[in-house]
Amino acid sequence: MKKLSAVQRKQQKVVLDIADKLEEQARTEIPGMVQCWFSMEYHLFPSSLLLRFQFENEQALTAAKPNLLKWQKSLSAAMMKKGVVLKQMRNHLVFTLEGPED
């Protein structure tokens, strides 16, 4: 794997901090939420950022769907506080059953 530049490490730290905070909050507020994970291409950051909230089963995922917009707004607000603007907040957080290895 290619070594990350100083800017890329800073981007990664910002995303990790926010993902950890959102994951902690979501685990307490959303039943059946397993973990939060993300992917991004550093040269296309922030447009390539995609956070995923993984759920344990279809019922938990279906029950959580009405709250998706709330979590998308939370991600956008948290990124804005760190100086990162997500132009299309709905494109950066999804609910899924898939894990990082899938």
C-alpha atoms as a PDB file:
ATOM      1  CA  MET A   1       0.000   0.000   0.000  1.00  0.00           C
ATOM      2  CA  LYS A   2       1.218   3.455  -0.876  1.00  0.00           C
ATOM      3  CA  LYS A   3       2.327   5.667   1.987  1.00  0.00           C
ATOM      4  CA  LEU A   4      -0.082   8.508   2.789  1.00  0.00           C
ATOM      5  CA  SER A   5       1.008  12.118   2.485  1.00  0.00           C
ATOM      6  CA  ALA A   6       0.671  14.549   5.403  1.00  0.00           C
ATOM      7  CA  VAL A   7      -2.549  15.956   3.903  1.00  0.00           C
ATOM      8  CA  GLN A   8      -3.986  12.483   3.394  1.00  0.00           C
ATOM      9  CA  ARG A   9      -3.160  11.507   6.988  1.00  0.00           C
ATOM     10  CA  LYS A  10      -4.952  14.657   8.173  1.00  0.00           C
ATOM     11  CA  GLN A  11      -7.993  13.779   6.028  1.00  0.00           C
ATOM     12  CA  GLN A  12      -7.974  10.240   7.391  1.00  0.00           C
ATOM     13  CA  LYS A  13      -7.783  11.471  10.989  1.00  0.00           C
ATOM     14  CA  VAL A  14     -10.748  13.813  10.486  1.00  0.00           C
ATOM     15  CA  VAL A  15     -12.858  11.041   8.955  1.00  0.00           C
ATOM     16  CA  LEU A  16     -11.833   8.481  11.603  1.00  0.00           C
ATOM     17  CA  ASP A  17     -12.677  10.864  14.451  1.00  0.00           C
ATOM     18  CA  ILE A  18     -16.091  11.667  13.006  1.00  0.00           C
ATOM     19  CA  ALA A  19     -16.853   8.037  12.116  1.00  0.00           C
ATOM     20  CA  ASP A  20     -15.960   6.930  15.652  1.00  0.00           C
ATOM     21  CA  LYS A  21     -18.203   9.573  17.239  1.00  0.00           C
ATOM     22  CA  LEU A  22     -21.131   8.805  14.928  1.00  0.00           C
ATOM     23  CA  GLU A  23     -20.693   5.070  15.466  1.00  0.00           C
ATOM     24  CA  GLU A  24     -20.736   5.460  19.245  1.00  0.00           C
ATOM     25  CA  GLN A  25     -23.843   7.627  19.099  1.00  0.00           C
ATOM     26  CA  ALA A  26     -25.617   5.371  16.579  1.00  0.00           C
ATOM     27  CA  ARG A  27     -24.980   2.216  18.593  1.00  0.00           C
ATOM     28  CA  THR A  28     -26.868   3.737  21.527  1.00  0.00           C
ATOM     29  CA  GLU A  29     -29.685   5.234  19.452  1.00  0.00           C
ATOM     30  CA  ILE A  30     -30.280   2.671  16.687  1.00  0.00           C
ATOM     31  CA  PRO A  31     -31.152  -0.913  17.669  1.00  0.00           C
ATOM     32  CA  GLY A  32     -29.339  -3.498  15.550  1.00  0.00           C
ATOM     33  CA  MET A  33     -26.559  -1.202  14.358  1.00  0.00           C
ATOM     34  CA  VAL A  34     -23.335  -3.247  14.277  1.00  0.00           C
ATOM     35  CA  GLN A  35     -20.601  -0.887  13.112  1.00  0.00           C
ATOM     36  CA  CYS A  36     -19.702   2.152  11.064  1.00  0.00           C
ATOM     37  CA  TRP A  37     -17.085   1.876   8.346  1.00  0.00           C
ATOM     38  CA  PHE A  38     -16.000   4.061   5.481  1.00  0.00           C
ATOM     39  CA  SER A  39     -14.198   4.157   2.190  1.00  0.00           C
ATOM     40  CA  MET A  40     -12.692   7.051   0.280  1.00  0.00           C
ATOM     41  CA  GLU A  41     -10.247   7.856  -2.444  1.00  0.00           C
ATOM     42  CA  TYR A  42      -7.867  10.460  -1.075  1.00  0.00           C
ATOM     43  CA  HIS A  43      -7.319  12.201  -4.402  1.00  0.00           C
ATOM     44  CA  LEU A  44     -11.104  12.718  -4.708  1.00  0.00           C
ATOM     45  CA  PHE A  45     -11.766  13.705  -1.074  1.00  0.00           C
ATOM     46  CA  PRO A  46     -14.351  14.757   0.099  1.00  0.00           C
ATOM     47  CA  SER A  47     -16.572  13.766  -2.843  1.00  0.00           C
ATOM     48  CA  SER A  48     -15.460  10.112  -2.625  1.00  0.00           C
ATOM     49  CA  LEU A  49     -16.188   9.713   1.104  1.00  0.00           C
ATOM     50  CA  LEU A  50     -18.808   7.076   1.890  1.00  0.00           C
ATOM     51  CA  LEU A  51     -19.707   6.092   5.454  1.00  0.00           C
ATOM     52  CA  ARG A  52     -21.747   2.944   5.935  1.00  0.00           C
ATOM     53  CA  PHE A  53     -23.772   1.992   8.983  1.00  0.00           C
ATOM     54  CA  GLN A  54     -23.882  -1.802   9.040  1.00  0.00           C
ATOM     55  CA  PHE A  55     -26.909  -3.536  10.538  1.00  0.00           C
ATOM     56  CA  GLU A  56     -27.216  -7.073  11.882  1.00  0.00           C
ATOM     57  CA  ASN A  57     -30.379  -7.998   9.952  1.00  0.00           C
ATOM     58  CA  GLU A  58     -32.989  -6.786   7.476  1.00  0.00           C
ATOM     59  CA  GLN A  59     -35.526  -5.929  10.209  1.00  0.00           C
ATOM     60  CA  ALA A  60     -33.095  -3.589  11.977  1.00  0.00           C
ATOM     61  CA  LEU A  61     -32.155  -1.996   8.653  1.00  0.00           C
ATOM     62  CA  THR A  62     -35.803  -1.450   7.695  1.00  0.00           C
ATOM     63  CA  ALA A  63     -36.617   0.013  11.115  1.00  0.00           C
ATOM     64  CA  ALA A  64     -33.677   2.447  10.878  1.00  0.00           C
ATOM     65  CA  LYS A  65     -34.349   3.683   7.311  1.00  0.00           C
ATOM     66  CA  PRO A  66     -36.662   6.558   8.377  1.00  0.00           C
ATOM     67  CA  ASN A  67     -33.756   8.049  10.361  1.00  0.00           C
ATOM     68  CA  LEU A  68     -31.247   7.982   7.488  1.00  0.00           C
ATOM     69  CA  LEU A  69     -31.615  11.686   6.683  1.00  0.00           C
ATOM     70  CA  LYS A  70     -30.957  12.616  10.322  1.00  0.00           C
ATOM     71  CA  TRP A  71     -27.648  10.722  10.261  1.00  0.00           C
ATOM     72  CA  GLN A  72     -26.699  12.177   6.879  1.00  0.00           C
ATOM     73  CA  LYS A  73     -27.245  15.646   8.324  1.00  0.00           C
ATOM     74  CA  SER A  74     -25.196  14.721  11.406  1.00  0.00           C
ATOM     75  CA  LEU A  75     -22.301  13.607   9.213  1.00  0.00           C
ATOM     76  CA  SER A  76     -22.504  16.766   7.120  1.00  0.00           C
ATOM     77  CA  ALA A  77     -22.584  19.007  10.207  1.00  0.00           C
ATOM     78  CA  ALA A  78     -19.662  17.172  11.839  1.00  0.00           C
ATOM     79  CA  MET A  79     -17.585  17.452   8.674  1.00  0.00           C
ATOM     80  CA  MET A  80     -18.460  21.142   8.365  1.00  0.00           C
ATOM     81  CA  LYS A  81     -17.179  21.746  11.906  1.00  0.00           C
ATOM     82  CA  LYS A  82     -13.848  20.272  10.756  1.00  0.00           C
ATOM     83  CA  GLY A  83     -13.802  22.541   7.695  1.00  0.00           C
ATOM     84  CA  VAL A  84     -14.875  19.922   5.150  1.00  0.00           C
ATOM     85  CA  VAL A  85     -17.906  20.691   2.996  1.00  0.00           C
ATOM     86  CA  LEU A  86     -19.999  17.780   1.711  1.00  0.00           C
ATOM     87  CA  LYS A  87     -21.884  19.265  -1.227  1.00  0.00           C
ATOM     88  CA  GLN A  88     -24.349  16.384  -1.544  1.00  0.00           C
ATOM     89  CA  MET A  89     -24.799  15.061   1.994  1.00  0.00           C
ATOM     90  CA  ARG A  90     -27.124  12.263   0.874  1.00  0.00           C
ATOM     91  CA  ASN A  91     -24.304  10.677  -1.130  1.00  0.00           C
ATOM     92  CA  HIS A  92     -21.954  10.208   1.809  1.00  0.00           C
ATOM     93  CA  LEU A  93     -23.787   7.974   4.299  1.00  0.00           C
ATOM     94  CA  VAL A  94     -25.827   4.831   3.689  1.00  0.00           C
ATOM     95  CA  PHE A  95     -27.378   2.066   5.771  1.00  0.00           C
ATOM     96  CA  THR A  96     -26.381  -1.462   4.710  1.00  0.00           C
ATOM     97  CA  LEU A  97     -26.172  -5.113   5.710  1.00  0.00           C
ATOM     98  CA  GLU A  98     -22.730  -5.491   4.102  1.00  0.00           C
ATOM     99  CA  GLY A  99     -19.554  -5.422   6.110  1.00  0.00           C
ATOM    100  CA  PRO A 100     -16.131  -4.129   5.071  1.00  0.00           C
ATOM    101  CA  GLU A 101     -15.064  -7.604   3.942  1.00  0.00           C
ATOM    102  CA  ASP A 102     -18.133  -8.175   1.713  1.00  0.00           C
END
